[in-house]
Amino acid sequence: MSDEYVTISAKIKGRTARAVLFDVGDTVSRGAWVPRSCLHGADDQKIDKARLDDELELRVREWIAEREGLL
């Protein structure tokens, strides 16, 4: 399991205090919930400023990006 970050481009479909729901187009049909603890700190702050359906480039932990099909 890698602690490295990878960059993804994804739409924000929902968020809670602990996780973010991403829609990355055809890659994930139902979306993928990612814990905020798996996001780069600066990108977690971007999510709080974004509106739903905004598309952002974000850094997430490689292992969860692979597990959730975000790559």
Protein backbone atom coordinates (compact mmCIF):
# COMPACT_ATOMS: atom_id res chain seq x y z
CA MET A 1 0.00 0.00 0.00
CA SER A 2 1.51 3.30 -1.10
CA ASP A 3 1.29 6.53 0.88
CA GLU A 4 2.17 8.50 -2.26
CA TYR A 5 -0.32 10.96 -3.75
CA VAL A 6 -1.67 10.79 -7.30
CA THR A 7 -3.54 13.55 -9.10
CA ILE A 8 -7.06 12.89 -10.30
CA SER A 9 -9.60 15.06 -12.08
CA ALA A 10 -13.05 14.59 -10.59
CA LYS A 11 -16.42 16.24 -10.04
CA ILE A 12 -17.59 16.81 -6.49
CA LYS A 13 -21.00 15.17 -6.09
CA GLY A 14 -21.32 15.35 -2.32
CA ARG A 15 -19.39 15.92 0.88
CA THR A 16 -19.59 15.41 4.59
CA ALA A 17 -17.24 16.38 7.40
CA ARG A 18 -15.41 13.06 6.95
CA ALA A 19 -15.63 12.11 3.24
CA VAL A 20 -16.13 13.36 -0.31
CA LEU A 21 -18.20 11.76 -3.08
CA PHE A 22 -16.44 11.94 -6.44
CA ASP A 23 -17.84 11.32 -9.91
CA VAL A 24 -15.07 10.75 -12.42
CA GLY A 25 -17.21 10.15 -15.49
CA ASP A 26 -17.27 6.71 -17.07
CA THR A 27 -14.62 5.34 -14.70
CA VAL A 28 -16.95 5.18 -11.69
CA SER A 29 -20.63 4.86 -12.53
CA ARG A 30 -21.97 5.25 -8.98
CA GLY A 31 -19.29 7.54 -7.66
CA ALA A 32 -16.67 6.89 -5.01
CA TRP A 33 -16.60 8.04 -1.40
CA VAL A 34 -13.08 9.00 -0.32
CA PRO A 35 -12.23 9.82 3.30
CA ARG A 36 -10.92 13.35 3.70
CA SER A 37 -7.93 11.87 5.54
CA CYS A 38 -6.83 10.41 2.17
CA LEU A 39 -6.74 13.83 0.47
CA HIS A 40 -3.79 16.21 0.41
CA GLY A 41 -4.46 18.92 3.02
CA ALA A 42 -4.44 21.81 0.55
CA ASP A 43 -6.85 19.97 -1.75
CA ASP A 44 -9.20 19.21 1.14
CA GLN A 45 -9.50 22.97 1.61
CA LYS A 46 -10.31 23.39 -2.12
CA ILE A 47 -13.24 21.02 -1.70
CA ASP A 48 -14.77 23.18 1.04
CA LYS A 49 -14.67 26.19 -1.31
CA ALA A 50 -16.00 24.29 -4.36
CA ARG A 51 -19.64 23.95 -5.37
CA LEU A 52 -21.24 20.61 -6.15
CA ASP A 53 -20.52 19.51 -9.75
CA ASP A 54 -17.34 21.61 -9.89
CA GLU A 55 -14.52 19.63 -11.51
CA LEU A 56 -11.24 19.83 -9.63
CA GLU A 57 -7.77 18.39 -9.91
CA LEU A 58 -7.00 16.82 -6.54
CA ARG A 59 -4.25 14.81 -4.92
CA VAL A 60 -5.39 11.62 -3.21
CA ARG A 61 -3.52 8.70 -1.72
CA GLU A 62 -2.56 6.27 -4.46
CA TRP A 63 -3.92 3.18 -2.68
CA ILE A 64 -7.45 4.55 -2.34
CA ALA A 65 -7.45 5.94 -5.88
CA GLU A 66 -6.63 2.45 -7.14
CA ARG A 67 -9.15 0.75 -4.84
CA GLU A 68 -11.98 3.08 -5.86
CA GLY A 69 -11.15 3.03 -9.58
CA LEU A 70 -10.24 6.71 -9.75
CA LEU A 71 -7.12 6.23 -11.88
